[in-house]
Amino acid sequence: MAKTTSPKYLDDAFAEICAEMLEIFIKKHKDYGKGNILDNGELGIVFRINDKLRRLQNLRESGKTPTNEAIEDTWIDISVYAVIALLLKSGKFKKLNLNPKV
């Protein structure tokens, strides 16, 4: 996770995490594009989320410290995939593009 502040309210803390999710989504979408999601659809997202959950499960059960990415980053990835799934189901993921100003 990028920044840690001390928000006064829970909804502000939630909004802070959502802003980080958006930033990560934009960066990864610029690298990956739409193809990897559109090719495999909702089931592909389920597999990606499952991979992330298995990683969390393995780390928790083994007590190991992650060597690649922080556990918080994995939770962010899962959250971003969940939003992508909602965008995919609504047809917006296929129809819309990133704002060229971002």
PDB file of N, CA and C in Angstrom:
ATOM      1  N   MET A   1       0.839  -1.171   0.000  1.00  0.00           N
ATOM      2  CA  MET A   1       0.000   0.000   0.000  1.00  0.00           C
ATOM      3  C   MET A   1       0.885   1.236   0.000  1.00  0.00           C
ATOM      4  N   ALA A   2       0.489   2.213  -0.749  1.00  0.00           N
ATOM      5  CA  ALA A   2       1.328   3.369  -0.990  1.00  0.00           C
ATOM      6  C   ALA A   2       1.454   4.298   0.214  1.00  0.00           C
ATOM      7  N   LYS A   3       0.380   4.932   0.591  1.00  0.00           N
ATOM      8  CA  LYS A   3       0.493   5.935   1.643  1.00  0.00           C
ATOM      9  C   LYS A   3      -0.372   5.561   2.834  1.00  0.00           C
ATOM     10  N   THR A   4       0.073   6.010   3.977  1.00  0.00           N
ATOM     11  CA  THR A   4      -0.694   5.790   5.189  1.00  0.00           C
ATOM     12  C   THR A   4      -0.915   7.144   5.845  1.00  0.00           C
ATOM     13  N   THR A   5      -2.167   7.526   5.966  1.00  0.00           N
ATOM     14  CA  THR A   5      -2.503   8.760   6.651  1.00  0.00           C
ATOM     15  C   THR A   5      -3.312   8.400   7.882  1.00  0.00           C
ATOM     16  N   SER A   6      -3.750   9.411   8.566  1.00  0.00           N
ATOM     17  CA  SER A   6      -4.578   9.185   9.744  1.00  0.00           C
ATOM     18  C   SER A   6      -5.929   9.850   9.543  1.00  0.00           C
ATOM     19  N   PRO A   7      -6.786   9.241   8.721  1.00  0.00           N
ATOM     20  CA  PRO A   7      -8.099   9.846   8.507  1.00  0.00           C
ATOM     21  C   PRO A   7      -8.896   9.862   9.808  1.00  0.00           C
ATOM     22  N   LYS A   8      -9.768  10.832   9.889  1.00  0.00           N
ATOM     23  CA  LYS A   8     -10.574  10.997  11.098  1.00  0.00           C
ATOM     24  C   LYS A   8     -11.794  10.087  11.089  1.00  0.00           C
ATOM     25  N   TYR A   9     -12.271   9.752   9.885  1.00  0.00           N
ATOM     26  CA  TYR A   9     -13.506   8.987   9.758  1.00  0.00           C
ATOM     27  C   TYR A   9     -13.282   7.728   8.928  1.00  0.00           C
ATOM     28  N   LEU A  10     -14.072   6.714   9.214  1.00  0.00           N
ATOM     29  CA  LEU A  10     -13.968   5.439   8.508  1.00  0.00           C
ATOM     30  C   LEU A  10     -14.225   5.608   7.017  1.00  0.00           C
ATOM     31  N   ASP A  11     -15.218   6.428   6.654  1.00  0.00           N
ATOM     32  CA  ASP A  11     -15.509   6.617   5.235  1.00  0.00           C
ATOM     33  C   ASP A  11     -14.352   7.303   4.518  1.00  0.00           C
ATOM     34  N   ASP A  12     -13.609   8.174   5.208  1.00  0.00           N
ATOM     35  CA  ASP A  12     -12.427   8.789   4.602  1.00  0.00           C
ATOM     36  C   ASP A  12     -11.333   7.745   4.386  1.00  0.00           C
ATOM     37  N   ALA A  13     -11.173   6.847   5.345  1.00  0.00           N
ATOM     38  CA  ALA A  13     -10.193   5.772   5.201  1.00  0.00           C
ATOM     39  C   ALA A  13     -10.570   4.859   4.037  1.00  0.00           C
ATOM     40  N   PHE A  14     -11.870   4.580   3.902  1.00  0.00           N
ATOM     41  CA  PHE A  14     -12.365   3.755   2.800  1.00  0.00           C
ATOM     42  C   PHE A  14     -12.088   4.446   1.467  1.00  0.00           C
ATOM     43  N   ALA A  15     -12.373   5.737   1.389  1.00  0.00           N
ATOM     44  CA  ALA A  15     -12.143   6.500   0.154  1.00  0.00           C
ATOM     45  C   ALA A  15     -10.663   6.522  -0.214  1.00  0.00           C
ATOM     46  N   GLU A  16      -9.801   6.583   0.781  1.00  0.00           N
ATOM     47  CA  GLU A  16      -8.359   6.573   0.544  1.00  0.00           C
ATOM     48  C   GLU A  16      -7.933   5.267  -0.130  1.00  0.00           C
ATOM     49  N   ILE A  17      -8.457   4.160   0.360  1.00  0.00           N
ATOM     50  CA  ILE A  17      -8.132   2.862  -0.236  1.00  0.00           C
ATOM     51  C   ILE A  17      -8.710   2.762  -1.643  1.00  0.00           C
ATOM     52  N   CYS A  18      -9.921   3.266  -1.842  1.00  0.00           N
ATOM     53  CA  CYS A  18     -10.529   3.248  -3.180  1.00  0.00           C
ATOM     54  C   CYS A  18      -9.706   4.070  -4.169  1.00  0.00           C
ATOM     55  N   ALA A  19      -9.155   5.188  -3.720  1.00  0.00           N
ATOM     56  CA  ALA A  19      -8.299   6.006  -4.585  1.00  0.00           C
ATOM     57  C   ALA A  19      -7.044   5.229  -4.973  1.00  0.00           C
ATOM     58  N   GLU A  20      -6.487   4.481  -4.033  1.00  0.00           N
ATOM     59  CA  GLU A  20      -5.322   3.650  -4.331  1.00  0.00           C
ATOM     60  C   GLU A  20      -5.685   2.542  -5.319  1.00  0.00           C
ATOM     61  N   MET A  21      -6.859   1.955  -5.139  1.00  0.00           N
ATOM     62  CA  MET A  21      -7.323   0.921  -6.069  1.00  0.00           C
ATOM     63  C   MET A  21      -7.429   1.482  -7.481  1.00  0.00           C
ATOM     64  N   LEU A  22      -7.979   2.679  -7.615  1.00  0.00           N
ATOM     65  CA  LEU A  22      -8.118   3.303  -8.929  1.00  0.00           C
ATOM     66  C   LEU A  22      -6.756   3.542  -9.562  1.00  0.00           C
ATOM     67  N   GLU A  23      -5.819   4.030  -8.778  1.00  0.00           N
ATOM     68  CA  GLU A  23      -4.468   4.280  -9.279  1.00  0.00           C
ATOM     69  C   GLU A  23      -3.832   2.985  -9.800  1.00  0.00           C
ATOM     70  N   ILE A  24      -3.965   1.924  -9.044  1.00  0.00           N
ATOM     71  CA  ILE A  24      -3.403   0.632  -9.450  1.00  0.00           C
ATOM     72  C   ILE A  24      -4.117   0.104 -10.688  1.00  0.00           C
ATOM     73  N   PHE A  25      -5.451   0.218 -10.713  1.00  0.00           N
ATOM     74  CA  PHE A  25      -6.211  -0.227 -11.877  1.00  0.00           C
ATOM     75  C   PHE A  25      -5.725   0.481 -13.138  1.00  0.00           C
ATOM     76  N   ILE A  26      -5.563   1.791 -13.077  1.00  0.00           N
ATOM     77  CA  ILE A  26      -5.140   2.557 -14.253  1.00  0.00           C
ATOM     78  C   ILE A  26      -3.758   2.110 -14.714  1.00  0.00           C
ATOM     79  N   LYS A  27      -2.811   1.989 -13.785  1.00  0.00           N
ATOM     80  CA  LYS A  27      -1.451   1.568 -14.151  1.00  0.00           C
ATOM     81  C   LYS A  27      -1.450   0.188 -14.804  1.00  0.00           C
ATOM     82  N   LYS A  28      -2.149  -0.757 -14.195  1.00  0.00           N
ATOM     83  CA  LYS A  28      -2.153  -2.120 -14.735  1.00  0.00           C
ATOM     84  C   LYS A  28      -2.928  -2.200 -16.044  1.00  0.00           C
ATOM     85  N   HIS A  29      -4.010  -1.426 -16.147  1.00  0.00           N
ATOM     86  CA  HIS A  29      -4.799  -1.450 -17.380  1.00  0.00           C
ATOM     87  C   HIS A  29      -3.982  -0.908 -18.551  1.00  0.00           C
ATOM     88  N   LYS A  30      -3.160   0.092 -18.285  1.00  0.00           N
ATOM     89  CA  LYS A  30      -2.288   0.625 -19.341  1.00  0.00           C
ATOM     90  C   LYS A  30      -1.276  -0.431 -19.789  1.00  0.00           C
ATOM     91  N   ASP A  31      -0.817  -1.267 -18.874  1.00  0.00           N
ATOM     92  CA  ASP A  31       0.143  -2.321 -19.214  1.00  0.00           C
ATOM     93  C   ASP A  31      -0.518  -3.522 -19.894  1.00  0.00           C
ATOM     94  N   TYR A  32      -1.669  -3.952 -19.380  1.00  0.00           N
ATOM     95  CA  TYR A  32      -2.312  -5.178 -19.849  1.00  0.00           C
ATOM     96  C   TYR A  32      -3.337  -4.950 -20.946  1.00  0.00           C
ATOM     97  N   GLY A  33      -4.019  -3.817 -20.926  1.00  0.00           N
ATOM     98  CA  GLY A  33      -5.122  -3.603 -21.855  1.00  0.00           C
ATOM     99  C   GLY A  33      -6.337  -4.419 -21.441  1.00  0.00           C
ATOM    100  N   LYS A  34      -7.271  -4.573 -22.379  1.00  0.00           N
ATOM    101  CA  LYS A  34      -8.527  -5.270 -22.089  1.00  0.00           C
ATOM    102  C   LYS A  34      -8.504  -6.752 -22.444  1.00  0.00           C
ATOM    103  N   GLY A  35      -7.577  -7.135 -23.305  1.00  0.00           N
ATOM    104  CA  GLY A  35      -7.582  -8.475 -23.870  1.00  0.00           C
ATOM    105  C   GLY A  35      -7.592  -9.599 -22.864  1.00  0.00           C
ATOM    106  N   ASN A  36      -6.766  -9.504 -21.838  1.00  0.00           N
ATOM    107  CA  ASN A  36      -6.674 -10.614 -20.883  1.00  0.00           C
ATOM    108  C   ASN A  36      -7.988 -10.827 -20.134  1.00  0.00           C
ATOM    109  N   ILE A  37      -8.751  -9.772 -19.929  1.00  0.00           N
ATOM    110  CA  ILE A  37     -10.046  -9.905 -19.259  1.00  0.00           C
ATOM    111  C   ILE A  37     -11.112 -10.340 -20.260  1.00  0.00           C
ATOM    112  N   LEU A  38     -11.155  -9.685 -21.406  1.00  0.00           N
ATOM    113  CA  LEU A  38     -12.194 -10.001 -22.390  1.00  0.00           C
ATOM    114  C   LEU A  38     -12.053 -11.411 -22.942  1.00  0.00           C
ATOM    115  N   ASP A  39     -10.819 -11.897 -23.075  1.00  0.00           N
ATOM    116  CA  ASP A  39     -10.608 -13.251 -23.602  1.00  0.00           C
ATOM    117  C   ASP A  39     -11.173 -14.332 -22.683  1.00  0.00           C
ATOM    118  N   ASN A  40     -11.076 -14.117 -21.377  1.00  0.00           N
ATOM    119  CA  ASN A  40     -11.466 -15.159 -20.423  1.00  0.00           C
ATOM    120  C   ASN A  40     -12.713 -14.825 -19.619  1.00  0.00           C
ATOM    121  N   GLY A  41     -13.191 -13.603 -19.724  1.00  0.00           N
ATOM    122  CA  GLY A  41     -14.443 -13.210 -19.094  1.00  0.00           C
ATOM    123  C   GLY A  41     -14.444 -13.331 -17.581  1.00  0.00           C
ATOM    124  N   GLU A  42     -15.645 -13.463 -17.062  1.00  0.00           N
ATOM    125  CA  GLU A  42     -15.840 -13.505 -15.612  1.00  0.00           C
ATOM    126  C   GLU A  42     -15.117 -14.694 -14.976  1.00  0.00           C
ATOM    127  N   LEU A  43     -15.111 -15.820 -15.664  1.00  0.00           N
ATOM    128  CA  LEU A  43     -14.430 -16.994 -15.115  1.00  0.00           C
ATOM    129  C   LEU A  43     -12.931 -16.738 -14.956  1.00  0.00           C
ATOM    130  N   GLY A  44     -12.343 -16.018 -15.901  1.00  0.00           N
ATOM    131  CA  GLY A  44     -10.932 -15.661 -15.783  1.00  0.00           C
ATOM    132  C   GLY A  44     -10.661 -14.825 -14.542  1.00  0.00           C
ATOM    133  N   ILE A  45     -11.581 -13.912 -14.242  1.00  0.00           N
ATOM    134  CA  ILE A  45     -11.441 -13.091 -13.039  1.00  0.00           C
ATOM    135  C   ILE A  45     -11.562 -13.965 -11.793  1.00  0.00           C
ATOM    136  N   VAL A  46     -12.488 -14.911 -11.827  1.00  0.00           N
ATOM    137  CA  VAL A  46     -12.633 -15.838 -10.699  1.00  0.00           C
ATOM    138  C   VAL A  46     -11.317 -16.576 -10.455  1.00  0.00           C
ATOM    139  N   PHE A  47     -10.670 -17.039 -11.527  1.00  0.00           N
ATOM    140  CA  PHE A  47      -9.393 -17.742 -11.376  1.00  0.00           C
ATOM    141  C   PHE A  47      -8.320 -16.827 -10.795  1.00  0.00           C
ATOM    142  N   ARG A  48      -8.276 -15.580 -11.268  1.00  0.00           N
ATOM    143  CA  ARG A  48      -7.269 -14.644 -10.754  1.00  0.00           C
ATOM    144  C   ARG A  48      -7.492 -14.360  -9.268  1.00  0.00           C
ATOM    145  N   ILE A  49      -8.750 -14.149  -8.887  1.00  0.00           N
ATOM    146  CA  ILE A  49      -9.057 -13.916  -7.475  1.00  0.00           C
ATOM    147  C   ILE A  49      -8.713 -15.161  -6.655  1.00  0.00           C
ATOM    148  N   ASN A  50      -9.027 -16.330  -7.190  1.00  0.00           N
ATOM    149  CA  ASN A  50      -8.706 -17.572  -6.484  1.00  0.00           C
ATOM    150  C   ASN A  50      -7.203 -17.709  -6.268  1.00  0.00           C
ATOM    151  N   ASP A  51      -6.404 -17.362  -7.279  1.00  0.00           N
ATOM    152  CA  ASP A  51      -4.947 -17.407  -7.117  1.00  0.00           C
ATOM    153  C   ASP A  51      -4.504 -16.514  -5.962  1.00  0.00           C
ATOM    154  N   LYS A  52      -5.078 -15.328  -5.895  1.00  0.00           N
ATOM    155  CA  LYS A  52      -4.729 -14.386  -4.826  1.00  0.00           C
ATOM    156  C   LYS A  52      -5.159 -14.925  -3.458  1.00  0.00           C
ATOM    157  N   LEU A  53      -6.356 -15.505  -3.401  1.00  0.00           N
ATOM    158  CA  LEU A  53      -6.839 -16.070  -2.138  1.00  0.00           C
ATOM    159  C   LEU A  53      -5.981 -17.248  -1.696  1.00  0.00           C
ATOM    160  N   ARG A  54      -5.562 -18.084  -2.642  1.00  0.00           N
ATOM    161  CA  ARG A  54      -4.690 -19.223  -2.318  1.00  0.00           C
ATOM    162  C   ARG A  54      -3.356 -18.741  -1.763  1.00  0.00           C
ATOM    163  N   ARG A  55      -2.849 -17.656  -2.341  1.00  0.00           N
ATOM    164  CA  ARG A  55      -1.600 -17.073  -1.850  1.00  0.00           C
ATOM    165  C   ARG A  55      -1.768 -16.632  -0.398  1.00  0.00           C
ATOM    166  N   LEU A  56      -2.867 -15.922  -0.131  1.00  0.00           N
ATOM    167  CA  LEU A  56      -3.135 -15.482   1.241  1.00  0.00           C
ATOM    168  C   LEU A  56      -3.258 -16.667   2.189  1.00  0.00           C
ATOM    169  N   GLN A  57      -3.983 -17.680   1.750  1.00  0.00           N
ATOM    170  CA  GLN A  57      -4.173 -18.870   2.577  1.00  0.00           C
ATOM    171  C   GLN A  57      -2.829 -19.529   2.868  1.00  0.00           C
ATOM    172  N   ASN A  58      -2.007 -19.687   1.850  1.00  0.00           N
ATOM    173  CA  ASN A  58      -0.699 -20.310   2.025  1.00  0.00           C
ATOM    174  C   ASN A  58       0.170 -19.515   2.994  1.00  0.00           C
ATOM    175  N   LEU A  59       0.187 -18.196   2.838  1.00  0.00           N
ATOM    176  CA  LEU A  59       1.000 -17.366   3.727  1.00  0.00           C
ATOM    177  C   LEU A  59       0.504 -17.436   5.168  1.00  0.00           C
ATOM    178  N   ARG A  60      -0.794 -17.418   5.352  1.00  0.00           N
ATOM    179  CA  ARG A  60      -1.361 -17.472   6.707  1.00  0.00           C
ATOM    180  C   ARG A  60      -1.112 -18.832   7.355  1.00  0.00           C
ATOM    181  N   GLU A  61      -1.311 -19.894   6.602  1.00  0.00           N
ATOM    182  CA  GLU A  61      -1.128 -21.237   7.159  1.00  0.00           C
ATOM    183  C   GLU A  61       0.338 -21.543   7.452  1.00  0.00           C
ATOM    184  N   SER A  62       1.232 -21.037   6.610  1.00  0.00           N
ATOM    185  CA  SER A  62       2.655 -21.329   6.792  1.00  0.00           C
ATOM    186  C   SER A  62       3.330 -20.365   7.763  1.00  0.00           C
ATOM    187  N   GLY A  63       2.708 -19.214   7.974  1.00  0.00           N
ATOM    188  CA  GLY A  63       3.319 -18.203   8.836  1.00  0.00           C
ATOM    189  C   GLY A  63       4.480 -17.482   8.182  1.00  0.00           C
ATOM    190  N   LYS A  64       4.666 -17.702   6.887  1.00  0.00           N
ATOM    191  CA  LYS A  64       5.769 -17.073   6.158  1.00  0.00           C
ATOM    192  C   LYS A  64       5.483 -15.593   5.898  1.00  0.00           C
ATOM    193  N   THR A  65       6.568 -14.844   5.778  1.00  0.00           N
ATOM    194  CA  THR A  65       6.476 -13.449   5.373  1.00  0.00           C
ATOM    195  C   THR A  65       6.584 -13.402   3.852  1.00  0.00           C
ATOM    196  N   PRO A  66       5.709 -12.655   3.182  1.00  0.00           N
ATOM    197  CA  PRO A  66       5.773 -12.600   1.722  1.00  0.00           C
ATOM    198  C   PRO A  66       7.105 -12.023   1.234  1.00  0.00           C
ATOM    199  N   THR A  67       7.620 -12.592   0.155  1.00  0.00           N
ATOM    200  CA  THR A  67       8.872 -12.097  -0.415  1.00  0.00           C
ATOM    201  C   THR A  67       8.644 -11.227  -1.641  1.00  0.00           C
ATOM    202  N   ASN A  68       7.462 -11.315  -2.242  1.00  0.00           N
ATOM    203  CA  ASN A  68       7.214 -10.607  -3.490  1.00  0.00           C
ATOM    204  C   ASN A  68       6.384  -9.353  -3.293  1.00  0.00           C
ATOM    205  N   GLU A  69       5.190  -9.487  -2.786  1.00  0.00           N
ATOM    206  CA  GLU A  69       4.318  -8.330  -2.574  1.00  0.00           C
ATOM    207  C   GLU A  69       3.657  -8.451  -1.210  1.00  0.00           C
ATOM    208  N   ALA A  70       3.363  -7.321  -0.628  1.00  0.00           N
ATOM    209  CA  ALA A  70       2.757  -7.295   0.701  1.00  0.00           C
ATOM    210  C   ALA A  70       1.352  -7.892   0.665  1.00  0.00           C
ATOM    211  N   ILE A  71       0.927  -8.416   1.783  1.00  0.00           N
ATOM    212  CA  ILE A  71      -0.421  -8.976   1.887  1.00  0.00           C
ATOM    213  C   ILE A  71      -1.466  -7.910   1.567  1.00  0.00           C
ATOM    214  N   GLU A  72      -1.220  -6.679   2.004  1.00  0.00           N
ATOM    215  CA  GLU A  72      -2.151  -5.587   1.698  1.00  0.00           C
ATOM    216  C   GLU A  72      -2.307  -5.386   0.193  1.00  0.00           C
ATOM    217  N   ASP A  73      -1.217  -5.548  -0.550  1.00  0.00           N
ATOM    218  CA  ASP A  73      -1.282  -5.423  -2.010  1.00  0.00           C
ATOM    219  C   ASP A  73      -2.152  -6.519  -2.619  1.00  0.00           C
ATOM    220  N   THR A  74      -2.092  -7.701  -2.040  1.00  0.00           N
ATOM    221  CA  THR A  74      -2.926  -8.800  -2.522  1.00  0.00           C
ATOM    222  C   THR A  74      -4.399  -8.491  -2.297  1.00  0.00           C
ATOM    223  N   TRP A  75      -4.740  -7.941  -1.130  1.00  0.00           N
ATOM    224  CA  TRP A  75      -6.131  -7.549  -0.872  1.00  0.00           C
ATOM    225  C   TRP A  75      -6.583  -6.468  -1.853  1.00  0.00           C
ATOM    226  N   ILE A  76      -5.702  -5.526  -2.160  1.00  0.00           N
ATOM    227  CA  ILE A  76      -6.042  -4.484  -3.142  1.00  0.00           C
ATOM    228  C   ILE A  76      -6.301  -5.132  -4.495  1.00  0.00           C
ATOM    229  N   ASP A  77      -5.441  -6.054  -4.915  1.00  0.00           N
ATOM    230  CA  ASP A  77      -5.623  -6.738  -6.203  1.00  0.00           C
ATOM    231  C   ASP A  77      -6.970  -7.452  -6.263  1.00  0.00           C
ATOM    232  N   ILE A  78      -7.324  -8.142  -5.192  1.00  0.00           N
ATOM    233  CA  ILE A  78      -8.612  -8.841  -5.148  1.00  0.00           C
ATOM    234  C   ILE A  78      -9.750  -7.839  -5.311  1.00  0.00           C
ATOM    235  N   SER A  79      -9.643  -6.716  -4.626  1.00  0.00           N
ATOM    236  CA  SER A  79     -10.679  -5.683  -4.710  1.00  0.00           C
ATOM    237  C   SER A  79     -10.794  -5.111  -6.117  1.00  0.00           C
ATOM    238  N   VAL A  80      -9.660  -4.866  -6.748  1.00  0.00           N
ATOM    239  CA  VAL A  80      -9.674  -4.338  -8.116  1.00  0.00           C
ATOM    240  C   VAL A  80     -10.305  -5.357  -9.062  1.00  0.00           C
ATOM    241  N   TYR A  81      -9.944  -6.625  -8.921  1.00  0.00           N
ATOM    242  CA  TYR A  81     -10.565  -7.654  -9.762  1.00  0.00           C
ATOM    243  C   TYR A  81     -12.073  -7.706  -9.556  1.00  0.00           C
ATOM    244  N   ALA A  82     -12.534  -7.521  -8.323  1.00  0.00           N
ATOM    245  CA  ALA A  82     -13.978  -7.528  -8.054  1.00  0.00           C
ATOM    246  C   ALA A  82     -14.672  -6.380  -8.783  1.00  0.00           C
ATOM    247  N   VAL A  83     -14.065  -5.204  -8.778  1.00  0.00           N
ATOM    248  CA  VAL A  83     -14.652  -4.065  -9.493  1.00  0.00           C
ATOM    249  C   VAL A  83     -14.628  -4.322 -10.997  1.00  0.00           C
ATOM    250  N   ILE A  84     -13.543  -4.884 -11.500  1.00  0.00           N
ATOM    251  CA  ILE A  84     -13.476  -5.217 -12.928  1.00  0.00           C
ATOM    252  C   ILE A  84     -14.595  -6.194 -13.287  1.00  0.00           C
ATOM    253  N   ALA A  85     -14.858  -7.167 -12.421  1.00  0.00           N
ATOM    254  CA  ALA A  85     -15.941  -8.127 -12.681  1.00  0.00           C
ATOM    255  C   ALA A  85     -17.283  -7.411 -12.790  1.00  0.00           C
ATOM    256  N   LEU A  86     -17.525  -6.454 -11.919  1.00  0.00           N
ATOM    257  CA  LEU A  86     -18.776  -5.683 -11.990  1.00  0.00           C
ATOM    258  C   LEU A  86     -18.847  -4.865 -13.277  1.00  0.00           C
ATOM    259  N   LEU A  87     -17.722  -4.265 -13.666  1.00  0.00           N
ATOM    260  CA  LEU A  87     -17.684  -3.511 -14.925  1.00  0.00           C
ATOM    261  C   LEU A  87     -17.908  -4.432 -16.119  1.00  0.00           C
ATOM    262  N   LEU A  88     -17.335  -5.617 -16.063  1.00  0.00           N
ATOM    263  CA  LEU A  88     -17.500  -6.592 -17.139  1.00  0.00           C
ATOM    264  C   LEU A  88     -18.959  -7.019 -17.255  1.00  0.00           C
ATOM    265  N   LYS A  89     -19.573  -7.355 -16.123  1.00  0.00           N
ATOM    266  CA  LYS A  89     -20.970  -7.811 -16.134  1.00  0.00           C
ATOM    267  C   LYS A  89     -21.924  -6.731 -16.640  1.00  0.00           C
ATOM    268  N   SER A  90     -21.608  -5.472 -16.379  1.00  0.00           N
ATOM    269  CA  SER A  90     -22.485  -4.382 -16.820  1.00  0.00           C
ATOM    270  C   SER A  90     -22.236  -3.983 -18.272  1.00  0.00           C
ATOM    271  N   GLY A  91     -21.179  -4.528 -18.887  1.00  0.00           N
ATOM    272  CA  GLY A  91     -20.834  -4.195 -20.263  1.00  0.00           C
ATOM    273  C   GLY A  91     -19.929  -2.979 -20.384  1.00  0.00           C
ATOM    274  N   LYS A  92     -19.659  -2.312 -19.289  1.00  0.00           N
ATOM    275  CA  LYS A  92     -18.851  -1.090 -19.324  1.00  0.00           C
ATOM    276  C   LYS A  92     -17.376  -1.367 -19.585  1.00  0.00           C
ATOM    277  N   PHE A  93     -16.872  -2.510 -19.121  1.00  0.00           N
ATOM    278  CA  PHE A  93     -15.457  -2.813 -19.329  1.00  0.00           C
ATOM    279  C   PHE A  93     -15.150  -2.921 -20.817  1.00  0.00           C
ATOM    280  N   LYS A  94     -16.036  -3.547 -21.560  1.00  0.00           N
ATOM    281  CA  LYS A  94     -15.824  -3.714 -22.998  1.00  0.00           C
ATOM    282  C   LYS A  94     -16.076  -2.414 -23.755  1.00  0.00           C
ATOM    283  N   LYS A  95     -17.098  -1.685 -23.362  1.00  0.00           N
ATOM    284  CA  LYS A  95     -17.554  -0.512 -24.110  1.00  0.00           C
ATOM    285  C   LYS A  95     -16.698   0.731 -23.873  1.00  0.00           C
ATOM    286  N   LEU A  96     -16.224   0.928 -22.659  1.00  0.00           N
ATOM    287  CA  LEU A  96     -15.542   2.169 -22.300  1.00  0.00           C
ATOM    288  C   LEU A  96     -14.026   2.021 -22.333  1.00  0.00           C
ATOM    289  N   ASN A  97     -13.353   3.147 -22.493  1.00  0.00           N
ATOM    290  CA  ASN A  97     -11.895   3.202 -22.444  1.00  0.00           C
ATOM    291  C   ASN A  97     -11.465   4.122 -21.313  1.00  0.00           C
ATOM    292  N   LEU A  98     -10.191   4.041 -20.952  1.00  0.00           N
ATOM    293  CA  LEU A  98      -9.657   4.964 -19.957  1.00  0.00           C
ATOM    294  C   LEU A  98      -9.736   6.388 -20.485  1.00  0.00           C
ATOM    295  N   ASN A  99      -9.919   7.312 -19.571  1.00  0.00           N
ATOM    296  CA  ASN A  99      -9.860   8.728 -19.915  1.00  0.00           C
ATOM    297  C   ASN A  99      -8.446   9.010 -20.416  1.00  0.00           C
ATOM    298  N   PRO A 100      -8.288   9.576 -21.607  1.00  0.00           N
ATOM    299  CA  PRO A 100      -6.936   9.816 -22.132  1.00  0.00           C
ATOM    300  C   PRO A 100      -6.126  10.801 -21.290  1.00  0.00           C
ATOM    301  N   LYS A 101      -6.784  11.509 -20.383  1.00  0.00           N
ATOM    302  CA  LYS A 101      -6.084  12.481 -19.538  1.00  0.00           C
ATOM    303  C   LYS A 101      -5.394  11.833 -18.343  1.00  0.00           C
ATOM    304  N   VAL A 102      -5.653  10.522 -18.101  1.00  0.00           N
ATOM    305  CA  VAL A 102      -5.011   9.870 -16.944  1.00  0.00           C
ATOM    306  C   VAL A 102      -3.731   9.187 -17.340  1.00  0.00           C
TER     307      VAL A 102
END
